[in-house]
N, C-alpha and C. Protein backbone atom coordinates (compact mmCIF):
# COMPACT_ATOMS: atom_id res chain seq x y z
N UNK A 1 144.26 -142.61 -15.31
CA UNK A 1 144.74 -143.37 -16.48
C UNK A 1 145.82 -142.60 -16.55
N UNK A 2 146.81 -143.56 -17.54
CA UNK A 2 148.14 -142.84 -18.09
C UNK A 2 148.61 -144.07 -19.39
N UNK A 3 149.49 -143.36 -20.05
CA UNK A 3 150.21 -143.97 -21.31
C UNK A 3 151.43 -144.35 -21.07
N UNK A 4 151.77 -145.66 -21.49
CA UNK A 4 152.73 -146.47 -21.13
C UNK A 4 153.62 -146.17 -22.39
N UNK A 5 154.71 -145.76 -23.29
CA UNK A 5 155.31 -145.64 -24.21
C UNK A 5 157.08 -145.96 -23.60
N UNK A 6 157.07 -147.12 -24.63
CA UNK A 6 158.72 -147.55 -24.69
C UNK A 6 159.10 -147.02 -25.88
N UNK A 7 160.72 -146.58 -25.13
CA UNK A 7 161.73 -146.33 -26.28
C UNK A 7 162.51 -147.27 -25.92
N UNK A 8 162.76 -148.23 -27.13
CA UNK A 8 163.95 -149.56 -26.97
C UNK A 8 165.45 -148.63 -27.25
N UNK A 9 165.06 -148.11 -27.92
CA UNK A 9 166.78 -147.13 -28.52
C UNK A 9 167.55 -146.62 -27.43
N UNK A 10 166.35 -145.79 -26.50
CA UNK A 10 167.11 -144.94 -25.56
C UNK A 10 167.16 -145.84 -24.05
N UNK A 11 166.28 -147.21 -24.08
CA UNK A 11 165.93 -148.05 -22.80
C UNK A 11 165.54 -146.88 -21.70
N UNK A 12 164.30 -146.55 -22.39
CA UNK A 12 163.30 -145.69 -21.75
C UNK A 12 162.04 -145.78 -21.89
N UNK A 13 161.23 -146.09 -20.46
CA UNK A 13 159.97 -146.06 -20.58
C UNK A 13 158.84 -144.52 -19.88
N UNK A 14 158.24 -143.93 -20.75
CA UNK A 14 157.66 -142.63 -20.53
C UNK A 14 156.55 -142.68 -20.02
N UNK A 15 155.87 -142.42 -19.14
CA UNK A 15 154.67 -142.38 -18.76
C UNK A 15 154.42 -141.23 -18.26
N UNK A 16 152.70 -140.96 -19.17
CA UNK A 16 152.46 -139.83 -19.07
C UNK A 16 150.75 -139.66 -19.21
N UNK A 17 150.12 -138.61 -19.77
CA UNK A 17 148.58 -138.64 -20.15
C UNK A 17 148.14 -139.70 -21.30
N UNK A 18 146.91 -140.08 -21.02
CA UNK A 18 146.56 -141.01 -22.50
C UNK A 18 146.65 -140.43 -23.53
N UNK A 19 147.20 -141.35 -24.40
CA UNK A 19 147.61 -141.00 -25.86
C UNK A 19 145.96 -140.42 -26.77
N UNK A 20 146.42 -139.64 -27.54
CA UNK A 20 144.92 -139.49 -28.07
C UNK A 20 144.75 -140.11 -29.44
N UNK A 21 145.89 -141.08 -29.70
CA UNK A 21 145.58 -141.66 -30.99
C UNK A 21 146.48 -143.12 -30.59
N UNK A 22 146.36 -144.20 -31.17
CA UNK A 22 147.08 -145.39 -30.72
C UNK A 22 148.22 -145.34 -31.50
N UNK A 23 149.48 -145.49 -31.03
CA UNK A 23 150.95 -145.74 -31.60
C UNK A 23 151.39 -147.07 -31.21
N UNK A 24 152.64 -147.69 -32.17
CA UNK A 24 153.16 -148.69 -31.29
C UNK A 24 153.90 -148.73 -30.53
N UNK A 25 153.94 -149.68 -29.40
CA UNK A 25 154.46 -149.63 -28.04
C UNK A 25 153.94 -148.36 -27.30
N UNK A 26 152.54 -148.53 -27.12
CA UNK A 26 151.55 -147.69 -26.44
C UNK A 26 150.71 -148.17 -25.41
N UNK A 27 150.47 -148.24 -24.46
CA UNK A 27 149.97 -149.06 -23.54
C UNK A 27 149.07 -147.97 -22.61
N UNK A 28 147.88 -148.15 -22.71
CA UNK A 28 147.03 -147.23 -21.50
C UNK A 28 147.13 -148.15 -20.08
N UNK A 29 147.37 -147.57 -19.08
CA UNK A 29 147.16 -147.82 -17.51
C UNK A 29 146.07 -147.45 -16.77
N UNK A 30 145.85 -148.32 -15.97
CA UNK A 30 145.06 -147.72 -15.20
C UNK A 30 146.00 -146.63 -13.94
N UNK A 31 145.01 -146.39 -12.88
CA UNK A 31 145.90 -145.34 -12.24
C UNK A 31 147.03 -146.37 -11.21
N UNK A 32 146.57 -147.34 -10.61
CA UNK A 32 146.97 -148.19 -9.78
C UNK A 32 148.04 -148.99 -10.34
N UNK A 33 147.95 -149.39 -11.73
CA UNK A 33 149.29 -150.01 -12.45
C UNK A 33 150.32 -148.63 -12.91
N UNK A 34 149.86 -148.12 -12.95
CA UNK A 34 151.07 -146.62 -13.69
C UNK A 34 151.61 -146.01 -12.20
N UNK A 35 151.06 -146.21 -10.92
CA UNK A 35 151.96 -145.73 -9.94
C UNK A 35 152.82 -146.79 -9.48
N UNK A 36 152.31 -148.27 -9.85
CA UNK A 36 153.25 -149.33 -9.41
C UNK A 36 154.14 -149.72 -10.49
N UNK A 37 154.70 -148.94 -11.72
CA UNK A 37 155.38 -149.44 -12.75
C UNK A 37 156.57 -149.65 -12.30
N UNK A 38 157.40 -150.65 -13.02
CA UNK A 38 158.70 -150.77 -12.87
C UNK A 38 159.37 -151.33 -14.22
N UNK A 39 160.51 -150.77 -14.42
CA UNK A 39 160.98 -151.19 -15.67
C UNK A 39 162.33 -152.18 -15.47
N UNK A 40 162.81 -152.55 -16.61
CA UNK A 40 163.78 -153.62 -16.33
C UNK A 40 165.12 -152.89 -15.83
N UNK A 41 166.11 -153.57 -15.20
CA UNK A 41 167.29 -153.06 -14.63
C UNK A 41 168.40 -152.40 -15.67
N UNK A 42 168.85 -150.76 -15.72
CA UNK A 42 169.40 -150.64 -16.50
C UNK A 42 168.36 -149.30 -17.57
N UNK A 43 167.13 -149.33 -17.27
CA UNK A 43 166.13 -148.35 -18.00
C UNK A 43 166.00 -147.17 -17.06
N UNK A 44 165.35 -146.48 -17.60
CA UNK A 44 164.84 -145.28 -17.09
C UNK A 44 163.51 -144.97 -17.14
N UNK A 45 162.84 -144.60 -16.16
CA UNK A 45 161.53 -144.28 -16.39
C UNK A 45 160.99 -142.59 -16.37
N UNK A 46 160.59 -141.98 -17.21
CA UNK A 46 160.24 -140.46 -17.53
C UNK A 46 158.76 -140.68 -16.75
N UNK A 47 158.60 -139.65 -16.01
CA UNK A 47 157.06 -139.37 -15.22
C UNK A 47 156.70 -137.76 -15.79
N UNK A 48 155.71 -138.09 -16.69
CA UNK A 48 155.50 -136.73 -17.68
C UNK A 48 153.98 -135.98 -16.38
N UNK A 49 154.10 -134.48 -16.30
CA UNK A 49 153.09 -133.98 -15.44
C UNK A 49 151.66 -135.05 -15.83
N UNK A 50 150.66 -135.24 -15.05
CA UNK A 50 149.67 -136.07 -15.36
C UNK A 50 147.90 -134.72 -14.86
N UNK A 51 147.63 -134.48 -15.67
CA UNK A 51 146.51 -133.71 -15.65
C UNK A 51 145.79 -134.22 -14.00
N UNK A 52 145.67 -132.81 -13.53
CA UNK A 52 144.82 -133.54 -12.06
C UNK A 52 143.49 -133.54 -11.96
N UNK A 53 142.54 -132.89 -13.19
CA UNK A 53 141.29 -133.84 -13.47
C UNK A 53 141.15 -134.09 -14.95
N UNK A 54 139.83 -135.15 -15.02
CA UNK A 54 139.93 -136.02 -16.02
C UNK A 54 139.41 -135.09 -17.40
N UNK A 55 140.01 -135.25 -18.30
CA UNK A 55 139.75 -134.18 -19.73
C UNK A 55 138.10 -134.75 -19.94
N UNK A 56 137.10 -133.74 -19.94
CA UNK A 56 135.52 -133.83 -20.14
C UNK A 56 135.75 -134.30 -22.04
N UNK A 57 134.80 -134.57 -22.22
CA UNK A 57 134.08 -134.83 -24.10
C UNK A 57 134.29 -133.78 -24.47
N UNK A 58 134.60 -133.81 -25.52
CA UNK A 58 134.76 -132.08 -26.48
C UNK A 58 133.38 -132.28 -27.13
N UNK A 59 133.43 -131.27 -28.32
CA UNK A 59 132.42 -131.60 -29.74
C UNK A 59 133.18 -132.63 -30.45
N UNK A 60 134.31 -132.69 -30.65
CA UNK A 60 134.62 -133.84 -31.51
C UNK A 60 134.42 -135.54 -31.02
N UNK A 61 134.37 -135.27 -29.96
CA UNK A 61 134.15 -136.49 -29.15
C UNK A 61 132.56 -136.77 -29.39
N UNK A 62 131.68 -135.95 -29.31
CA UNK A 62 130.33 -136.32 -29.97
C UNK A 62 130.13 -136.40 -31.13
N UNK A 63 130.68 -135.73 -32.07
CA UNK A 63 130.52 -136.07 -33.33
C UNK A 63 131.18 -137.11 -34.06
N UNK A 64 132.00 -137.70 -33.58
CA UNK A 64 132.77 -139.06 -33.55
C UNK A 64 131.64 -140.23 -33.34
N UNK A 65 131.39 -139.84 -31.99
CA UNK A 65 130.16 -140.84 -31.20
C UNK A 65 129.15 -140.85 -32.33
N UNK A 66 128.59 -139.81 -32.85
CA UNK A 66 127.13 -139.60 -33.48
C UNK A 66 127.50 -140.00 -35.05
N UNK A 67 128.64 -139.97 -35.34
CA UNK A 67 128.81 -140.81 -36.69
C UNK A 67 129.01 -142.33 -36.58
N UNK A 68 129.57 -142.49 -35.63
CA UNK A 68 129.76 -144.32 -35.32
C UNK A 68 128.07 -144.84 -35.26
N UNK A 69 127.58 -144.14 -34.48
CA UNK A 69 125.87 -144.67 -34.36
C UNK A 69 125.29 -144.97 -35.76
N UNK A 70 125.47 -143.50 -36.67
CA UNK A 70 124.75 -143.28 -37.86
C UNK A 70 125.51 -144.59 -38.97
N UNK A 71 126.88 -144.74 -38.69
CA UNK A 71 127.14 -146.13 -39.39
C UNK A 71 127.12 -147.32 -39.05
N UNK A 72 126.65 -147.64 -38.07
CA UNK A 72 126.48 -148.91 -37.59
C UNK A 72 124.72 -148.78 -37.88
N UNK A 73 124.03 -148.09 -38.01
CA UNK A 73 122.80 -148.02 -38.32
C UNK A 73 122.63 -148.22 -39.50
N UNK A 74 123.75 -147.76 -40.28
CA UNK A 74 122.84 -148.05 -41.62
C UNK A 74 124.15 -149.56 -42.34
N UNK A 75 124.66 -150.36 -41.46
CA UNK A 75 124.62 -151.71 -41.90
C UNK A 75 123.84 -152.35 -41.91
N UNK A 76 123.46 -153.62 -42.99
CA UNK A 76 122.81 -154.41 -42.85
C UNK A 76 122.97 -155.23 -41.95
N UNK A 77 121.52 -155.92 -41.08
CA UNK A 77 121.44 -156.75 -40.01
C UNK A 77 122.39 -158.26 -40.92
N UNK A 78 123.07 -158.67 -40.00
CA UNK A 78 123.63 -160.28 -39.94
C UNK A 78 123.36 -160.81 -39.03
N UNK A 79 123.08 -162.27 -39.52
CA UNK A 79 122.68 -163.19 -38.53
C UNK A 79 124.34 -163.22 -37.91
N UNK A 80 124.47 -164.01 -36.42
CA UNK A 80 125.59 -164.68 -36.06
C UNK A 80 126.14 -165.57 -36.62
N UNK A 81 127.08 -165.44 -36.95
CA UNK A 81 127.84 -166.43 -37.18
C UNK A 81 128.52 -167.91 -36.61
N UNK A 82 128.31 -169.19 -36.46
CA UNK A 82 128.40 -169.78 -35.52
C UNK A 82 129.91 -170.68 -35.87
N UNK A 83 131.09 -170.60 -34.96
CA UNK A 83 132.34 -170.94 -35.37
C UNK A 83 132.77 -172.43 -35.41
N UNK A 84 133.49 -172.96 -36.08
CA UNK A 84 133.88 -174.21 -36.24
C UNK A 84 134.11 -174.61 -34.55
N UNK A 85 133.72 -175.68 -34.20
CA UNK A 85 133.99 -176.34 -33.06
C UNK A 85 135.48 -177.02 -33.24
N UNK A 86 136.33 -176.73 -32.13
CA UNK A 86 137.91 -177.40 -32.64
C UNK A 86 138.13 -178.79 -31.83
N UNK A 87 137.21 -179.16 -31.01
CA UNK A 87 137.56 -180.84 -30.63
C UNK A 87 136.63 -181.18 -29.72
N UNK A 88 136.47 -182.19 -29.16
CA UNK A 88 135.62 -182.85 -28.04
C UNK A 88 136.06 -182.15 -26.69
N UNK A 89 137.25 -181.41 -26.28
CA UNK A 89 137.54 -180.95 -25.36
C UNK A 89 137.63 -179.72 -25.46
N UNK A 90 137.09 -179.00 -26.47
CA UNK A 90 137.45 -177.34 -26.54
C UNK A 90 136.75 -176.75 -25.12
N UNK A 91 137.65 -175.54 -25.09
CA UNK A 91 137.30 -174.58 -23.84
C UNK A 91 135.64 -173.91 -24.31
N UNK A 92 135.35 -173.58 -25.78
CA UNK A 92 134.38 -172.82 -25.96
C UNK A 92 133.44 -174.03 -25.69
N UNK A 93 133.31 -175.13 -25.46
CA UNK A 93 132.01 -175.86 -25.51
C UNK A 93 131.53 -175.89 -23.71
N UNK A 94 130.33 -175.83 -23.51
CA UNK A 94 129.56 -176.02 -22.36
C UNK A 94 129.88 -177.62 -21.94
N UNK A 95 130.19 -177.53 -20.34
CA UNK A 95 130.06 -179.34 -20.11
C UNK A 95 128.49 -180.31 -20.59
N UNK A 96 128.69 -181.44 -19.99
CA UNK A 96 127.59 -181.80 -20.64
C UNK A 96 126.53 -181.41 -19.84
N UNK A 97 125.32 -181.42 -20.39
CA UNK A 97 123.88 -181.59 -20.14
C UNK A 97 124.02 -179.63 -19.57
N UNK A 98 124.76 -178.81 -19.96
CA UNK A 98 124.32 -177.37 -19.49
C UNK A 98 124.24 -176.63 -20.82
N UNK A 99 122.99 -175.88 -20.33
CA UNK A 99 122.58 -175.11 -21.46
C UNK A 99 123.24 -173.89 -21.34
N UNK A 100 123.03 -173.08 -22.51
CA UNK A 100 123.49 -171.83 -22.17
C UNK A 100 123.59 -171.06 -23.81
N UNK A 101 123.85 -169.66 -24.22
CA UNK A 101 123.74 -168.56 -24.80
C UNK A 101 125.19 -168.53 -25.30
N UNK A 102 125.51 -168.91 -26.72
CA UNK A 102 126.98 -168.46 -27.14
C UNK A 102 126.96 -166.54 -28.02
N UNK A 103 127.49 -165.82 -27.45
CA UNK A 103 127.95 -164.58 -28.28
C UNK A 103 129.10 -164.78 -28.40
N UNK A 104 129.72 -164.54 -29.78
CA UNK A 104 131.15 -164.44 -29.96
C UNK A 104 131.94 -165.86 -29.44
N UNK A 105 132.99 -165.72 -28.65
CA UNK A 105 133.79 -166.29 -28.31
C UNK A 105 133.81 -166.32 -27.08
N UNK A 106 132.46 -165.67 -26.28
CA UNK A 106 132.37 -165.90 -24.68
C UNK A 106 130.96 -167.32 -24.91
N UNK A 107 130.39 -168.01 -23.70
CA UNK A 107 129.51 -168.56 -23.30
C UNK A 107 128.81 -168.15 -22.22
N UNK A 108 127.37 -167.90 -21.99
CA UNK A 108 126.56 -167.59 -21.00
C UNK A 108 125.95 -169.23 -20.60
N UNK A 109 126.35 -169.27 -19.34
CA UNK A 109 125.67 -170.68 -18.67
C UNK A 109 124.72 -170.23 -17.60
N UNK A 110 123.49 -171.04 -17.84
CA UNK A 110 122.49 -170.98 -16.91
C UNK A 110 122.92 -171.66 -15.31
N UNK A 111 122.32 -171.09 -14.51
CA UNK A 111 122.66 -171.72 -13.30
C UNK A 111 121.73 -173.12 -13.95
N UNK A 112 122.32 -174.29 -12.91
CA UNK A 112 121.58 -175.43 -12.76
C UNK A 112 120.57 -175.53 -11.97
N UNK A 113 119.31 -176.11 -12.42
CA UNK A 113 117.85 -176.31 -11.76
C UNK A 113 117.96 -177.19 -10.66
């Protein structure tokens, strides 16, 4: 895993270790895409030294996870909302005769019997 950062003013792409926080023009890449990165003609790629072993979770990570779980448990339960249909040929609708379960913007279709 690596983070790709563009510096438009310098026509430079910097590929380095995963960023610890989000910044504009930063994108996390898997190992395969980081290895095959190409840039536009006239740009330069700076490849920073990558750690040989993945970083292990630390006490701050565990504390952040515990706080997120605690905050989520404190929220009142809300029934899922049904989004408005867009039209007769919406990609969100199941084909005629198919039953399914809707979760957010995705739909799980059951196998026809």
